[in-house]
Amino acid sequence: MPKGRTLMRLRKKAAEVDRRLTDGYGRHHLELDDDPIAVLVETILSQNTTDVNSHRCFLALKRRYSDWGELLQEDWHEVALIIRTGGLAEIKSKRIIGALNHIMDKRGRLSLDFLTELELDAADAWLSEIHGVGKKTRSIVLLFAFGMATFPVDTHVHRVSMRLGLICQRTSRERAESELSLLVPPEEYYNMHLNLIEHGRRVCRARNPGCSGCILSDLCENRIGLGKPQH
């Protein structure tokens, strides 16, 4: 974890990144999703695919099943057929059905509303007991459905933050969440999370990043094709 002057410098840099991204992509205000189970299902579907594909699969599930309870005893093969266009259909279908059954077995009803009564660490620990529900998925559920102070790190957030030097090159996604949470005020978690994703999609792509037109170019420590910045 960064300390002392390094922490202060990185916080100042993160604030400038947040300001520029907000100027470029707008400010996002958190509106809690009223169906935490839906957030969980859609986040599982989003693993290793695009948002377009995962949302298409999510809508297909909603059309097929009028209630999440209908999935409790469903054959995973049937679910896999519905979500096949999103990739890893077998794995995701098993994880979704398994997650729903875990919640039902532990709570006696298909609801995550009880998490509002828990502190962040306890809520995260409870979700971690669900097979296949990793840190990113848990953080998205806790932030988007409950407004808890988590900073989800997906592939875009991880890549952009690393290139900017907000986190080190060897920092894992899970560790990145902890480190970024120290650099950004909790009230900015949601806004900066979404804007880092947007910037990663539009400009700071994994391949062929648009460094020449990047609004963060002078802050970047890994400008591809433009040479290293001078310090």
C-alpha atoms as a PDB file:
ATOM      1  CA  MET A   1       0.000   0.000   0.000  1.00  0.00           C
ATOM      2  CA  PRO A   2       1.316   3.516  -0.776  1.00  0.00           C
ATOM      3  CA  LYS A   3       2.233   5.620   2.234  1.00  0.00           C
ATOM      4  CA  GLY A   4       3.210   9.153   3.169  1.00  0.00           C
ATOM      5  CA  ARG A   5       4.151  11.466   0.324  1.00  0.00           C
ATOM      6  CA  THR A   6       3.548   8.751  -2.254  1.00  0.00           C
ATOM      7  CA  LEU A   7      -0.031   8.350  -1.044  1.00  0.00           C
ATOM      8  CA  MET A   8      -0.604  12.106  -1.129  1.00  0.00           C
ATOM      9  CA  ARG A   9       0.830  12.353  -4.650  1.00  0.00           C
ATOM     10  CA  LEU A  10      -1.309   9.488  -5.914  1.00  0.00           C
ATOM     11  CA  ARG A  11      -4.437  10.932  -4.306  1.00  0.00           C
ATOM     12  CA  LYS A  12      -3.789  14.243  -6.033  1.00  0.00           C
ATOM     13  CA  LYS A  13      -3.251  12.456  -9.333  1.00  0.00           C
ATOM     14  CA  ALA A  14      -6.402  10.363  -8.883  1.00  0.00           C
ATOM     15  CA  ALA A  15      -8.402  13.521  -8.187  1.00  0.00           C
ATOM     16  CA  GLU A  16      -7.139  15.069 -11.423  1.00  0.00           C
ATOM     17  CA  VAL A  17      -7.949  11.885 -13.363  1.00  0.00           C
ATOM     18  CA  ASP A  18     -11.437  11.879 -11.861  1.00  0.00           C
ATOM     19  CA  ARG A  19     -11.943  15.553 -12.738  1.00  0.00           C
ATOM     20  CA  ARG A  20     -10.863  15.167 -16.351  1.00  0.00           C
ATOM     21  CA  LEU A  21     -12.854  11.989 -16.908  1.00  0.00           C
ATOM     22  CA  THR A  22     -15.940  13.642 -15.426  1.00  0.00           C
ATOM     23  CA  ASP A  23     -15.455  16.629 -17.727  1.00  0.00           C
ATOM     24  CA  GLY A  24     -15.081  14.270 -20.673  1.00  0.00           C
ATOM     25  CA  TYR A  25     -17.762  11.672 -19.981  1.00  0.00           C
ATOM     26  CA  GLY A  26     -20.091  13.341 -17.534  1.00  0.00           C
ATOM     27  CA  ARG A  27     -20.965  12.778 -13.886  1.00  0.00           C
ATOM     28  CA  HIS A  28     -22.731   9.564 -12.917  1.00  0.00           C
ATOM     29  CA  HIS A  29     -25.051   9.632  -9.935  1.00  0.00           C
ATOM     30  CA  LEU A  30     -25.714   6.349  -8.177  1.00  0.00           C
ATOM     31  CA  GLU A  31     -29.278   5.102  -8.378  1.00  0.00           C
ATOM     32  CA  LEU A  32     -29.584   1.846  -6.490  1.00  0.00           C
ATOM     33  CA  ASP A  33     -30.898  -1.160  -8.387  1.00  0.00           C
ATOM     34  CA  ASP A  34     -33.967  -2.479  -6.586  1.00  0.00           C
ATOM     35  CA  ASP A  35     -33.227  -6.116  -7.522  1.00  0.00           C
ATOM     36  CA  PRO A  36     -29.877  -7.218  -6.025  1.00  0.00           C
ATOM     37  CA  ILE A  37     -30.400 -10.751  -7.342  1.00  0.00           C
ATOM     38  CA  ALA A  38     -30.619  -9.371 -10.867  1.00  0.00           C
ATOM     39  CA  VAL A  39     -27.362  -7.450 -10.320  1.00  0.00           C
ATOM     40  CA  LEU A  40     -25.692 -10.660  -9.169  1.00  0.00           C
ATOM     41  CA  VAL A  41     -26.972 -12.667 -12.144  1.00  0.00           C
ATOM     42  CA  GLU A  42     -26.024 -10.054 -14.707  1.00  0.00           C
ATOM     43  CA  THR A  43     -22.568  -9.605 -13.209  1.00  0.00           C
ATOM     44  CA  ILE A  44     -21.924 -13.342 -13.423  1.00  0.00           C
ATOM     45  CA  LEU A  45     -23.027 -13.179 -17.055  1.00  0.00           C
ATOM     46  CA  SER A  46     -20.608 -10.299 -17.711  1.00  0.00           C
ATOM     47  CA  GLN A  47     -17.519 -12.360 -16.958  1.00  0.00           C
ATOM     48  CA  ASN A  48     -15.164 -12.632 -19.958  1.00  0.00           C
ATOM     49  CA  THR A  49     -17.517 -11.046 -22.461  1.00  0.00           C
ATOM     50  CA  THR A  50     -18.744  -7.632 -23.594  1.00  0.00           C
ATOM     51  CA  ASP A  51     -21.519  -5.699 -21.884  1.00  0.00           C
ATOM     52  CA  VAL A  52     -23.604  -6.000 -25.036  1.00  0.00           C
ATOM     53  CA  ASN A  53     -23.371  -9.787 -25.018  1.00  0.00           C
ATOM     54  CA  SER A  54     -23.960 -10.151 -21.290  1.00  0.00           C
ATOM     55  CA  HIS A  55     -26.985  -7.840 -21.296  1.00  0.00           C
ATOM     56  CA  ARG A  56     -28.452  -9.698 -24.250  1.00  0.00           C
ATOM     57  CA  CYS A  57     -28.121 -12.946 -22.311  1.00  0.00           C
ATOM     58  CA  PHE A  58     -29.613 -11.334 -19.214  1.00  0.00           C
ATOM     59  CA  LEU A  59     -32.672 -10.162 -21.150  1.00  0.00           C
ATOM     60  CA  ALA A  60     -33.019 -13.625 -22.670  1.00  0.00           C
ATOM     61  CA  LEU A  61     -33.140 -15.122 -19.170  1.00  0.00           C
ATOM     62  CA  LYS A  62     -35.725 -12.547 -18.084  1.00  0.00           C
ATOM     63  CA  ARG A  63     -37.898 -13.438 -21.070  1.00  0.00           C
ATOM     64  CA  ARG A  64     -37.645 -17.154 -20.357  1.00  0.00           C
ATOM     65  CA  TYR A  65     -38.134 -17.016 -16.585  1.00  0.00           C
ATOM     66  CA  SER A  66     -40.671 -14.699 -14.998  1.00  0.00           C
ATOM     67  CA  ASP A  67     -39.120 -15.162 -11.557  1.00  0.00           C
ATOM     68  CA  TRP A  68     -35.585 -16.023 -10.412  1.00  0.00           C
ATOM     69  CA  GLY A  69     -37.090 -18.796  -8.303  1.00  0.00           C
ATOM     70  CA  GLU A  70     -37.859 -20.706 -11.487  1.00  0.00           C
ATOM     71  CA  LEU A  71     -34.135 -21.231 -11.930  1.00  0.00           C
ATOM     72  CA  LEU A  72     -33.638 -23.012  -8.615  1.00  0.00           C
ATOM     73  CA  GLN A  73     -34.457 -26.458  -9.952  1.00  0.00           C
ATOM     74  CA  GLU A  74     -33.655 -25.775 -13.593  1.00  0.00           C
ATOM     75  CA  ASP A  75     -31.284 -28.013 -15.549  1.00  0.00           C
ATOM     76  CA  TRP A  76     -28.086 -26.062 -16.192  1.00  0.00           C
ATOM     77  CA  HIS A  77     -28.088 -27.363 -19.784  1.00  0.00           C
ATOM     78  CA  GLU A  78     -31.296 -25.411 -20.438  1.00  0.00           C
ATOM     79  CA  VAL A  79     -29.848 -22.221 -19.014  1.00  0.00           C
ATOM     80  CA  ALA A  80     -26.622 -22.704 -20.964  1.00  0.00           C
ATOM     81  CA  LEU A  81     -28.594 -22.842 -24.225  1.00  0.00           C
ATOM     82  CA  ILE A  82     -30.227 -19.505 -23.428  1.00  0.00           C
ATOM     83  CA  ILE A  83     -26.978 -17.720 -22.573  1.00  0.00           C
ATOM     84  CA  ARG A  84     -24.681 -19.462 -25.069  1.00  0.00           C
ATOM     85  CA  THR A  85     -23.941 -16.281 -27.051  1.00  0.00           C
ATOM     86  CA  GLY A  86     -22.225 -14.769 -24.014  1.00  0.00           C
ATOM     87  CA  GLY A  87     -19.513 -17.404 -23.854  1.00  0.00           C
ATOM     88  CA  LEU A  88     -18.585 -19.809 -21.039  1.00  0.00           C
ATOM     89  CA  ALA A  89     -22.259 -20.761 -20.956  1.00  0.00           C
ATOM     90  CA  GLU A  90     -21.740 -24.023 -19.061  1.00  0.00           C
ATOM     91  CA  ILE A  91     -19.711 -22.384 -16.302  1.00  0.00           C
ATOM     92  CA  LYS A  92     -21.998 -19.360 -15.984  1.00  0.00           C
ATOM     93  CA  SER A  93     -25.213 -21.374 -15.953  1.00  0.00           C
ATOM     94  CA  LYS A  94     -23.894 -23.593 -13.153  1.00  0.00           C
ATOM     95  CA  ARG A  95     -22.706 -20.563 -11.191  1.00  0.00           C
ATOM     96  CA  ILE A  96     -26.026 -18.747 -11.517  1.00  0.00           C
ATOM     97  CA  ILE A  97     -28.081 -21.749 -10.447  1.00  0.00           C
ATOM     98  CA  GLY A  98     -25.609 -22.523  -7.681  1.00  0.00           C
ATOM     99  CA  ALA A  99     -25.661 -18.935  -6.398  1.00  0.00           C
ATOM    100  CA  LEU A 100     -29.446 -18.820  -6.282  1.00  0.00           C
ATOM    101  CA  ASN A 101     -29.632 -22.152  -4.458  1.00  0.00           C
ATOM    102  CA  HIS A 102     -26.979 -21.007  -1.995  1.00  0.00           C
ATOM    103  CA  ILE A 103     -29.014 -17.916  -1.129  1.00  0.00           C
ATOM    104  CA  MET A 104     -32.200 -19.960  -0.769  1.00  0.00           C
ATOM    105  CA  ASP A 105     -30.525 -22.617   1.379  1.00  0.00           C
ATOM    106  CA  LYS A 106     -28.886 -20.080   3.698  1.00  0.00           C
ATOM    107  CA  ARG A 107     -31.697 -17.544   3.958  1.00  0.00           C
ATOM    108  CA  GLY A 108     -34.886 -19.480   3.236  1.00  0.00           C
ATOM    109  CA  ARG A 109     -35.920 -16.974   0.594  1.00  0.00           C
ATOM    110  CA  LEU A 110     -34.454 -15.657  -2.635  1.00  0.00           C
ATOM    111  CA  SER A 111     -33.397 -12.209  -1.441  1.00  0.00           C
ATOM    112  CA  LEU A 112     -30.221 -10.340  -0.587  1.00  0.00           C
ATOM    113  CA  ASP A 113     -31.983  -7.452   1.132  1.00  0.00           C
ATOM    114  CA  PHE A 114     -30.652  -8.614   4.500  1.00  0.00           C
ATOM    115  CA  LEU A 115     -27.199  -7.385   3.455  1.00  0.00           C
ATOM    116  CA  THR A 116     -28.324  -3.829   4.226  1.00  0.00           C
ATOM    117  CA  GLU A 117     -28.185  -4.791   7.909  1.00  0.00           C
ATOM    118  CA  LEU A 118     -24.516  -5.792   7.693  1.00  0.00           C
ATOM    119  CA  GLU A 119     -21.313  -3.797   7.678  1.00  0.00           C
ATOM    120  CA  LEU A 120     -19.367  -3.789   4.417  1.00  0.00           C
ATOM    121  CA  ASP A 121     -16.816  -6.420   5.465  1.00  0.00           C
ATOM    122  CA  ALA A 122     -19.509  -8.759   6.765  1.00  0.00           C
ATOM    123  CA  ALA A 123     -21.631  -8.361   3.627  1.00  0.00           C
ATOM    124  CA  ASP A 124     -18.614  -9.031   1.430  1.00  0.00           C
ATOM    125  CA  ALA A 125     -17.706 -12.094   3.506  1.00  0.00           C
ATOM    126  CA  TRP A 126     -21.228 -13.485   3.163  1.00  0.00           C
ATOM    127  CA  LEU A 127     -21.192 -13.128  -0.619  1.00  0.00           C
ATOM    128  CA  SER A 128     -17.722 -14.665  -0.776  1.00  0.00           C
ATOM    129  CA  GLU A 129     -19.200 -17.970   0.403  1.00  0.00           C
ATOM    130  CA  ILE A 130     -21.048 -18.318  -2.904  1.00  0.00           C
ATOM    131  CA  HIS A 131     -19.065 -20.479  -5.302  1.00  0.00           C
ATOM    132  CA  GLY A 132     -17.814 -18.548  -8.329  1.00  0.00           C
ATOM    133  CA  VAL A 133     -18.606 -15.119  -6.889  1.00  0.00           C
ATOM    134  CA  GLY A 134     -15.277 -13.293  -6.894  1.00  0.00           C
ATOM    135  CA  LYS A 135     -14.232  -9.917  -5.576  1.00  0.00           C
ATOM    136  CA  LYS A 136     -15.338  -7.899  -8.608  1.00  0.00           C
ATOM    137  CA  THR A 137     -18.793  -9.478  -8.627  1.00  0.00           C
ATOM    138  CA  ARG A 138     -19.240  -8.923  -4.904  1.00  0.00           C
ATOM    139  CA  SER A 139     -18.136  -5.303  -5.137  1.00  0.00           C
ATOM    140  CA  ILE A 140     -20.513  -4.563  -8.005  1.00  0.00           C
ATOM    141  CA  VAL A 141     -23.450  -6.054  -6.099  1.00  0.00           C
ATOM    142  CA  LEU A 142     -22.579  -4.136  -2.938  1.00  0.00           C
ATOM    143  CA  LEU A 143     -22.055  -0.812  -4.731  1.00  0.00           C
ATOM    144  CA  PHE A 144     -24.795  -0.922  -7.374  1.00  0.00           C
ATOM    145  CA  ALA A 145     -27.514  -2.574  -5.270  1.00  0.00           C
ATOM    146  CA  PHE A 146     -26.704  -1.320  -1.766  1.00  0.00           C
ATOM    147  CA  GLY A 147     -24.554   1.786  -2.209  1.00  0.00           C
ATOM    148  CA  MET A 148     -21.775   0.379  -0.051  1.00  0.00           C
ATOM    149  CA  ALA A 149     -18.312   1.918  -0.371  1.00  0.00           C
ATOM    150  CA  THR A 150     -16.626  -0.495  -2.761  1.00  0.00           C
ATOM    151  CA  PHE A 151     -14.535   0.272  -5.841  1.00  0.00           C
ATOM    152  CA  PRO A 152     -15.098  -2.579  -8.348  1.00  0.00           C
ATOM    153  CA  VAL A 153     -12.093  -3.288 -10.567  1.00  0.00           C
ATOM    154  CA  ASP A 154     -12.811  -4.896 -13.920  1.00  0.00           C
ATOM    155  CA  THR A 155     -10.360  -5.355 -16.787  1.00  0.00           C
ATOM    156  CA  HIS A 156     -10.786  -1.753 -18.011  1.00  0.00           C
ATOM    157  CA  VAL A 157     -10.353  -0.150 -14.589  1.00  0.00           C
ATOM    158  CA  HIS A 158      -7.337  -2.354 -13.926  1.00  0.00           C
ATOM    159  CA  ARG A 159      -5.663  -1.583 -17.254  1.00  0.00           C
ATOM    160  CA  VAL A 160      -6.234   2.186 -17.206  1.00  0.00           C
ATOM    161  CA  SER A 161      -5.221   2.563 -13.555  1.00  0.00           C
ATOM    162  CA  MET A 162      -2.054   0.589 -14.178  1.00  0.00           C
ATOM    163  CA  ARG A 163      -1.083   2.629 -17.241  1.00  0.00           C
ATOM    164  CA  LEU A 164      -1.665   5.834 -15.322  1.00  0.00           C
ATOM    165  CA  GLY A 165       0.582   4.639 -12.527  1.00  0.00           C
ATOM    166  CA  LEU A 166      -2.164   4.753  -9.904  1.00  0.00           C
ATOM    167  CA  ILE A 167      -1.322   1.123  -9.176  1.00  0.00           C
ATOM    168  CA  CYS A 168       1.845  -0.863  -9.837  1.00  0.00           C
ATOM    169  CA  GLN A 169       2.298  -3.115 -12.841  1.00  0.00           C
ATOM    170  CA  ARG A 170       2.171  -6.271 -10.737  1.00  0.00           C
ATOM    171  CA  THR A 171      -0.930  -5.302  -8.760  1.00  0.00           C
ATOM    172  CA  SER A 172      -3.720  -7.878  -8.948  1.00  0.00           C
ATOM    173  CA  ARG A 173      -7.307  -6.796  -9.513  1.00  0.00           C
ATOM    174  CA  GLU A 174      -8.275  -7.652  -5.951  1.00  0.00           C
ATOM    175  CA  ARG A 175      -5.368  -5.687  -4.495  1.00  0.00           C
ATOM    176  CA  ALA A 176      -6.093  -2.875  -6.959  1.00  0.00           C
ATOM    177  CA  GLU A 177      -9.520  -2.423  -5.401  1.00  0.00           C
ATOM    178  CA  SER A 178      -7.985  -1.908  -1.980  1.00  0.00           C
ATOM    179  CA  GLU A 179      -5.377   0.518  -3.287  1.00  0.00           C
ATOM    180  CA  LEU A 180      -7.751   2.571  -5.426  1.00  0.00           C
ATOM    181  CA  SER A 181     -10.145   2.780  -2.487  1.00  0.00           C
ATOM    182  CA  LEU A 182      -7.398   4.638  -0.613  1.00  0.00           C
ATOM    183  CA  LEU A 183      -6.855   7.107  -3.441  1.00  0.00           C
ATOM    184  CA  VAL A 184     -10.440   8.067  -4.266  1.00  0.00           C
ATOM    185  CA  PRO A 185     -13.043   9.531  -1.878  1.00  0.00           C
ATOM    186  CA  PRO A 186     -15.907   7.041  -1.294  1.00  0.00           C
ATOM    187  CA  GLU A 187     -18.430   9.468  -2.779  1.00  0.00           C
ATOM    188  CA  GLU A 188     -16.506   9.283  -6.056  1.00  0.00           C
ATOM    189  CA  TYR A 189     -16.221   5.480  -6.279  1.00  0.00           C
ATOM    190  CA  TYR A 190     -19.262   5.024  -8.514  1.00  0.00           C
ATOM    191  CA  ASN A 191     -18.534   7.961 -10.816  1.00  0.00           C
ATOM    192  CA  MET A 192     -14.845   7.180 -11.293  1.00  0.00           C
ATOM    193  CA  HIS A 193     -15.474   3.446 -11.697  1.00  0.00           C
ATOM    194  CA  LEU A 194     -17.852   4.055 -14.607  1.00  0.00           C
ATOM    195  CA  ASN A 195     -15.679   6.724 -16.226  1.00  0.00           C
ATOM    196  CA  LEU A 196     -12.538   4.575 -16.067  1.00  0.00           C
ATOM    197  CA  ILE A 197     -14.505   1.829 -17.821  1.00  0.00           C
ATOM    198  CA  GLU A 198     -15.726   4.270 -20.459  1.00  0.00           C
ATOM    199  CA  HIS A 199     -12.219   5.595 -21.040  1.00  0.00           C
ATOM    200  CA  GLY A 200     -10.882   2.060 -21.306  1.00  0.00           C
ATOM    201  CA  ARG A 201     -13.442   1.202 -23.958  1.00  0.00           C
ATOM    202  CA  ARG A 202     -13.157   4.367 -26.019  1.00  0.00           C
ATOM    203  CA  VAL A 203      -9.518   5.398 -25.744  1.00  0.00           C
ATOM    204  CA  CYS A 204      -7.245   3.365 -23.467  1.00  0.00           C
ATOM    205  CA  ARG A 205      -7.952   0.102 -25.227  1.00  0.00           C
ATOM    206  CA  ALA A 206      -5.958  -3.054 -24.583  1.00  0.00           C
ATOM    207  CA  ARG A 207      -4.807  -2.986 -28.212  1.00  0.00           C
ATOM    208  CA  ASN A 208      -4.129   0.133 -30.240  1.00  0.00           C
ATOM    209  CA  PRO A 209      -4.873   2.681 -27.483  1.00  0.00           C
ATOM    210  CA  GLY A 210      -5.616   6.185 -28.707  1.00  0.00           C
ATOM    211  CA  CYS A 211      -2.783   7.873 -26.847  1.00  0.00           C
ATOM    212  CA  SER A 212      -2.492  10.855 -29.204  1.00  0.00           C
ATOM    213  CA  GLY A 213      -6.010  12.055 -28.399  1.00  0.00           C
ATOM    214  CA  CYS A 214      -6.135  10.979 -24.768  1.00  0.00           C
ATOM    215  CA  ILE A 215      -7.227  13.587 -22.218  1.00  0.00           C
ATOM    216  CA  LEU A 216      -4.968  11.881 -19.668  1.00  0.00           C
ATOM    217  CA  SER A 217      -1.891  11.614 -21.869  1.00  0.00           C
ATOM    218  CA  ASP A 218       0.305  13.910 -19.779  1.00  0.00           C
ATOM    219  CA  LEU A 219      -0.565  11.936 -16.638  1.00  0.00           C
ATOM    220  CA  CYS A 220       0.146   8.528 -18.153  1.00  0.00           C
ATOM    221  CA  GLU A 221       3.247   6.522 -17.310  1.00  0.00           C
ATOM    222  CA  ASN A 222       2.835   4.051 -20.138  1.00  0.00           C
ATOM    223  CA  ARG A 223       2.058   6.085 -23.245  1.00  0.00           C
ATOM    224  CA  ILE A 224       2.311   3.670 -26.120  1.00  0.00           C
ATOM    225  CA  GLY A 225       3.818   5.071 -29.295  1.00  0.00           C
ATOM    226  CA  LEU A 226       4.437   8.495 -27.778  1.00  0.00           C
ATOM    227  CA  GLY A 227       7.472   7.696 -25.700  1.00  0.00           C
ATOM    228  CA  LYS A 228       7.700   7.913 -21.935  1.00  0.00           C
ATOM    229  CA  PRO A 229       6.667  11.170 -20.263  1.00  0.00           C
ATOM    230  CA  GLN A 230       9.395  13.324 -18.838  1.00  0.00           C
ATOM    231  CA  HIS A 231       9.548  13.596 -15.033  1.00  0.00           C
END
